[in-house]
Amino acid sequence: MEDYRKTKVDQFVTRVPKGKKADLQAHAAARDESLNGFVNRAIDETIQRDNVNDDTVVLDKEAYETLIDLGKMGKQYIDLITTENERDLLHNTDDDKVEEI
């Protein structure tokens, strides 16, 4: 085991306020993870989020599935908004001969 630690992993100490370690352990256990696994996952996910381009939206699984479920309604909404925006643009012109769409 000592050879593995020397050659395969780095180790560092993290300090947290009194009582927080128990909270972190409970959180990890509720997800069938070790504290070490949870901390590594949290670090990896934070780095991934920090490295995402500003114009990219990161969705969790539940939000993604909701968007998939709402796909048809979402397209209809986008079509409606586009139509309303086009109508608004036409009504905001100085030309009195603008037709309604």
N, C-alpha and C. Protein backbone atom coordinates (compact mmCIF):
# COMPACT_ATOMS: atom_id res chain seq x y z
N MET A 1 0.83 -1.20 0.00
CA MET A 1 0.00 0.00 0.00
C MET A 1 0.87 1.26 0.00
N GLU A 2 1.95 1.21 0.74
CA GLU A 2 2.83 2.39 0.82
C GLU A 2 3.47 2.69 -0.54
N ASP A 3 3.85 1.65 -1.30
CA ASP A 3 4.40 1.85 -2.64
C ASP A 3 3.38 2.51 -3.55
N TYR A 4 2.12 2.08 -3.45
CA TYR A 4 1.05 2.67 -4.25
C TYR A 4 0.92 4.16 -3.95
N ARG A 5 0.88 4.50 -2.69
CA ARG A 5 0.76 5.91 -2.30
C ARG A 5 1.93 6.74 -2.79
N LYS A 6 3.11 6.17 -2.75
CA LYS A 6 4.29 6.92 -3.18
C LYS A 6 4.33 7.12 -4.70
N THR A 7 3.79 6.18 -5.45
CA THR A 7 3.94 6.25 -6.91
C THR A 7 2.69 6.67 -7.66
N LYS A 8 1.51 6.52 -7.06
CA LYS A 8 0.26 6.73 -7.81
C LYS A 8 -0.59 7.91 -7.37
N VAL A 9 -0.40 8.41 -6.18
CA VAL A 9 -1.27 9.49 -5.71
C VAL A 9 -0.47 10.59 -5.02
N ASP A 10 -1.03 11.79 -5.07
CA ASP A 10 -0.52 12.90 -4.28
C ASP A 10 -1.46 13.07 -3.10
N GLN A 11 -0.94 13.66 -2.06
CA GLN A 11 -1.74 13.86 -0.86
C GLN A 11 -1.60 15.30 -0.41
N PHE A 12 -2.73 15.89 0.02
CA PHE A 12 -2.68 17.21 0.63
C PHE A 12 -3.75 17.29 1.71
N VAL A 13 -3.55 18.18 2.63
CA VAL A 13 -4.47 18.34 3.76
C VAL A 13 -5.41 19.50 3.48
N THR A 14 -6.67 19.29 3.76
CA THR A 14 -7.66 20.35 3.63
C THR A 14 -8.25 20.61 5.00
N ARG A 15 -8.33 21.85 5.37
CA ARG A 15 -8.91 22.20 6.67
C ARG A 15 -10.29 22.80 6.46
N VAL A 16 -11.24 22.36 7.28
CA VAL A 16 -12.61 22.86 7.22
C VAL A 16 -13.05 23.24 8.63
N PRO A 17 -14.05 24.11 8.75
CA PRO A 17 -14.54 24.48 10.08
C PRO A 17 -15.02 23.25 10.85
N LYS A 18 -14.90 23.31 12.16
CA LYS A 18 -15.34 22.22 13.03
C LYS A 18 -16.76 21.81 12.69
N GLY A 19 -17.00 20.52 12.51
CA GLY A 19 -18.32 20.00 12.21
C GLY A 19 -18.59 19.83 10.72
N LYS A 20 -17.85 20.53 9.89
CA LYS A 20 -18.11 20.44 8.44
C LYS A 20 -17.68 19.09 7.87
N LYS A 21 -16.64 18.50 8.42
CA LYS A 21 -16.19 17.20 7.94
C LYS A 21 -17.32 16.19 8.04
N ALA A 22 -18.03 16.19 9.15
CA ALA A 22 -19.15 15.26 9.34
C ALA A 22 -20.24 15.53 8.30
N ASP A 23 -20.50 16.80 8.01
CA ASP A 23 -21.50 17.15 7.00
C ASP A 23 -21.07 16.63 5.62
N LEU A 24 -19.79 16.79 5.30
CA LEU A 24 -19.28 16.33 4.01
C LEU A 24 -19.33 14.80 3.92
N GLN A 25 -18.98 14.13 5.01
CA GLN A 25 -19.05 12.67 5.02
C GLN A 25 -20.49 12.18 4.83
N ALA A 26 -21.44 12.84 5.49
CA ALA A 26 -22.85 12.46 5.36
C ALA A 26 -23.33 12.68 3.93
N HIS A 27 -22.93 13.80 3.33
CA HIS A 27 -23.31 14.10 1.95
C HIS A 27 -22.76 13.02 1.02
N ALA A 28 -21.50 12.69 1.18
CA ALA A 28 -20.87 11.67 0.33
C ALA A 28 -21.54 10.31 0.54
N ALA A 29 -21.78 9.94 1.78
CA ALA A 29 -22.39 8.64 2.08
C ALA A 29 -23.79 8.53 1.48
N ALA A 30 -24.53 9.63 1.47
CA ALA A 30 -25.88 9.62 0.89
C ALA A 30 -25.84 9.34 -0.60
N ARG A 31 -24.69 9.54 -1.22
CA ARG A 31 -24.52 9.28 -2.65
C ARG A 31 -23.62 8.08 -2.90
N ASP A 32 -23.46 7.26 -1.86
CA ASP A 32 -22.62 6.06 -1.95
C ASP A 32 -21.21 6.37 -2.40
N GLU A 33 -20.64 7.46 -1.89
CA GLU A 33 -19.26 7.84 -2.19
C GLU A 33 -18.46 7.90 -0.90
N SER A 34 -17.17 7.74 -1.07
CA SER A 34 -16.29 8.03 0.06
C SER A 34 -16.10 9.53 0.15
N LEU A 35 -15.61 10.01 1.26
CA LEU A 35 -15.31 11.44 1.38
C LEU A 35 -14.28 11.84 0.33
N ASN A 36 -13.26 11.01 0.15
CA ASN A 36 -12.23 11.29 -0.84
C ASN A 36 -12.82 11.34 -2.26
N GLY A 37 -13.68 10.40 -2.59
CA GLY A 37 -14.32 10.38 -3.91
C GLY A 37 -15.17 11.62 -4.13
N PHE A 38 -15.92 12.00 -3.09
CA PHE A 38 -16.75 13.19 -3.20
C PHE A 38 -15.91 14.45 -3.41
N VAL A 39 -14.85 14.60 -2.65
CA VAL A 39 -13.99 15.78 -2.77
C VAL A 39 -13.36 15.83 -4.15
N ASN A 40 -12.89 14.69 -4.66
CA ASN A 40 -12.30 14.67 -6.00
C ASN A 40 -13.33 15.02 -7.06
N ARG A 41 -14.55 14.49 -6.93
CA ARG A 41 -15.62 14.82 -7.88
C ARG A 41 -15.96 16.31 -7.83
N ALA A 42 -16.06 16.85 -6.62
CA ALA A 42 -16.39 18.27 -6.46
C ALA A 42 -15.31 19.14 -7.10
N ILE A 43 -14.07 18.76 -6.91
CA ILE A 43 -12.96 19.52 -7.51
C ILE A 43 -13.03 19.44 -9.03
N ASP A 44 -13.20 18.22 -9.56
CA ASP A 44 -13.26 18.03 -11.02
C ASP A 44 -14.42 18.81 -11.64
N GLU A 45 -15.60 18.75 -11.02
CA GLU A 45 -16.76 19.46 -11.56
C GLU A 45 -16.58 20.97 -11.49
N THR A 46 -15.96 21.46 -10.44
CA THR A 46 -15.72 22.90 -10.32
C THR A 46 -14.73 23.37 -11.38
N ILE A 47 -13.67 22.60 -11.58
CA ILE A 47 -12.70 22.97 -12.61
C ILE A 47 -13.36 22.95 -13.99
N GLN A 48 -14.18 21.95 -14.25
CA GLN A 48 -14.89 21.89 -15.53
C GLN A 48 -15.78 23.11 -15.72
N ARG A 49 -16.54 23.47 -14.70
CA ARG A 49 -17.41 24.65 -14.79
C ARG A 49 -16.59 25.92 -14.98
N ASP A 50 -15.48 26.03 -14.27
CA ASP A 50 -14.65 27.22 -14.38
C ASP A 50 -14.02 27.36 -15.77
N ASN A 51 -13.82 26.25 -16.45
CA ASN A 51 -13.16 26.28 -17.75
C ASN A 51 -14.13 26.39 -18.92
N VAL A 52 -15.41 26.41 -18.66
CA VAL A 52 -16.40 26.50 -19.73
C VAL A 52 -16.39 27.91 -20.30
N ASN A 53 -16.56 28.02 -21.62
CA ASN A 53 -16.65 29.33 -22.25
C ASN A 53 -17.82 30.12 -21.68
N ASP A 54 -17.72 31.42 -21.66
CA ASP A 54 -18.76 32.27 -21.10
C ASP A 54 -20.10 32.12 -21.80
N ASP A 55 -20.09 31.79 -23.09
CA ASP A 55 -21.35 31.68 -23.82
C ASP A 55 -21.95 30.28 -23.80
N THR A 56 -21.37 29.38 -23.00
CA THR A 56 -21.87 28.03 -22.88
C THR A 56 -22.67 27.89 -21.60
N VAL A 57 -23.80 27.21 -21.69
CA VAL A 57 -24.63 26.96 -20.52
C VAL A 57 -24.41 25.52 -20.09
N VAL A 58 -24.11 25.32 -18.82
CA VAL A 58 -23.94 23.98 -18.29
C VAL A 58 -25.21 23.61 -17.54
N LEU A 59 -25.82 22.50 -17.94
CA LEU A 59 -27.06 22.05 -17.32
C LEU A 59 -26.81 20.78 -16.53
N ASP A 60 -27.47 20.67 -15.39
CA ASP A 60 -27.41 19.39 -14.70
C ASP A 60 -28.36 18.42 -15.41
N LYS A 61 -28.30 17.16 -15.03
CA LYS A 61 -29.07 16.12 -15.73
C LYS A 61 -30.56 16.42 -15.70
N GLU A 62 -31.09 16.84 -14.57
CA GLU A 62 -32.52 17.10 -14.45
C GLU A 62 -32.96 18.25 -15.37
N ALA A 63 -32.17 19.32 -15.41
CA ALA A 63 -32.51 20.44 -16.28
C ALA A 63 -32.44 20.02 -17.75
N TYR A 64 -31.45 19.24 -18.10
CA TYR A 64 -31.32 18.76 -19.48
C TYR A 64 -32.53 17.91 -19.87
N GLU A 65 -32.91 16.96 -19.01
CA GLU A 65 -34.06 16.10 -19.31
C GLU A 65 -35.35 16.92 -19.42
N THR A 66 -35.49 17.94 -18.58
CA THR A 66 -36.67 18.80 -18.65
C THR A 66 -36.72 19.52 -19.99
N LEU A 67 -35.58 20.03 -20.45
CA LEU A 67 -35.54 20.71 -21.75
C LEU A 67 -35.87 19.75 -22.89
N ILE A 68 -35.40 18.53 -22.80
CA ILE A 68 -35.73 17.53 -23.83
C ILE A 68 -37.23 17.28 -23.82
N ASP A 69 -37.82 17.10 -22.63
CA ASP A 69 -39.26 16.87 -22.52
C ASP A 69 -40.07 18.03 -23.06
N LEU A 70 -39.56 19.23 -22.93
CA LEU A 70 -40.28 20.43 -23.37
C LEU A 70 -39.90 20.85 -24.78
N GLY A 71 -39.18 20.01 -25.48
CA GLY A 71 -38.66 20.36 -26.80
C GLY A 71 -39.69 20.92 -27.75
N LYS A 72 -40.80 20.22 -27.94
CA LYS A 72 -41.81 20.70 -28.89
C LYS A 72 -42.41 22.01 -28.41
N MET A 73 -42.75 22.08 -27.13
CA MET A 73 -43.33 23.31 -26.61
C MET A 73 -42.30 24.44 -26.70
N GLY A 74 -41.03 24.13 -26.47
CA GLY A 74 -39.98 25.14 -26.57
C GLY A 74 -39.86 25.69 -27.97
N LYS A 75 -39.95 24.82 -28.98
CA LYS A 75 -39.87 25.28 -30.36
C LYS A 75 -41.06 26.17 -30.68
N GLN A 76 -42.26 25.79 -30.23
CA GLN A 76 -43.44 26.62 -30.46
C GLN A 76 -43.27 27.98 -29.79
N TYR A 77 -42.70 27.99 -28.58
CA TYR A 77 -42.48 29.24 -27.86
C TYR A 77 -41.49 30.12 -28.61
N ILE A 78 -40.41 29.52 -29.09
CA ILE A 78 -39.41 30.29 -29.84
C ILE A 78 -40.04 30.86 -31.10
N ASP A 79 -40.85 30.03 -31.80
CA ASP A 79 -41.53 30.52 -33.00
C ASP A 79 -42.45 31.68 -32.65
N LEU A 80 -43.19 31.58 -31.54
CA LEU A 80 -44.09 32.64 -31.12
C LEU A 80 -43.32 33.91 -30.80
N ILE A 81 -42.24 33.80 -30.04
CA ILE A 81 -41.44 34.97 -29.67
C ILE A 81 -40.87 35.62 -30.93
N THR A 82 -40.38 34.79 -31.85
CA THR A 82 -39.82 35.33 -33.09
C THR A 82 -40.90 36.10 -33.85
N THR A 83 -42.08 35.52 -33.94
CA THR A 83 -43.18 36.19 -34.64
C THR A 83 -43.54 37.50 -33.94
N GLU A 84 -43.64 37.47 -32.60
CA GLU A 84 -43.96 38.69 -31.85
C GLU A 84 -42.88 39.75 -32.03
N ASN A 85 -41.63 39.34 -32.01
CA ASN A 85 -40.53 40.29 -32.19
C ASN A 85 -40.56 40.90 -33.58
N GLU A 86 -40.83 40.07 -34.59
CA GLU A 86 -40.93 40.60 -35.95
C GLU A 86 -42.09 41.60 -36.05
N ARG A 87 -43.22 41.27 -35.43
CA ARG A 87 -44.37 42.16 -35.45
C ARG A 87 -44.03 43.48 -34.75
N ASP A 88 -43.35 43.37 -33.60
CA ASP A 88 -42.96 44.59 -32.88
C ASP A 88 -42.03 45.45 -33.71
N LEU A 89 -41.09 44.81 -34.40
CA LEU A 89 -40.18 45.57 -35.25
C LEU A 89 -40.94 46.29 -36.36
N LEU A 90 -41.93 45.61 -36.94
CA LEU A 90 -42.71 46.24 -37.99
C LEU A 90 -43.52 47.42 -37.45
N HIS A 91 -44.07 47.29 -36.26
CA HIS A 91 -44.88 48.35 -35.67
C HIS A 91 -44.05 49.53 -35.17
N ASN A 92 -42.77 49.32 -34.97
CA ASN A 92 -41.92 50.39 -34.47
C ASN A 92 -41.23 51.17 -35.59
N THR A 93 -41.65 50.95 -36.82
CA THR A 93 -41.06 51.71 -37.93
C THR A 93 -41.82 53.03 -38.10
N ASP A 94 -41.23 53.93 -38.83
CA ASP A 94 -41.89 55.22 -39.10
C ASP A 94 -42.85 55.14 -40.26
N ASP A 95 -42.83 54.03 -40.98
CA ASP A 95 -43.66 53.86 -42.16
C ASP A 95 -45.09 53.52 -41.74
N ASP A 96 -46.06 54.33 -42.14
CA ASP A 96 -47.47 54.10 -41.76
C ASP A 96 -48.11 52.99 -42.58
N LYS A 97 -47.43 52.51 -43.61
CA LYS A 97 -48.04 51.52 -44.50
C LYS A 97 -47.58 50.08 -44.16
N VAL A 98 -47.16 49.85 -42.94
CA VAL A 98 -46.69 48.54 -42.54
C VAL A 98 -47.87 47.60 -42.38
N GLU A 99 -47.77 46.42 -42.97
CA GLU A 99 -48.84 45.44 -42.85
C GLU A 99 -48.63 44.60 -41.60
N GLU A 100 -49.73 44.13 -41.03
CA GLU A 100 -49.64 43.19 -39.92
C GLU A 100 -49.32 41.82 -40.47
N ILE A 101 -48.56 41.12 -39.74
CA ILE A 101 -48.21 39.73 -40.13
C ILE A 101 -49.24 38.81 -39.54
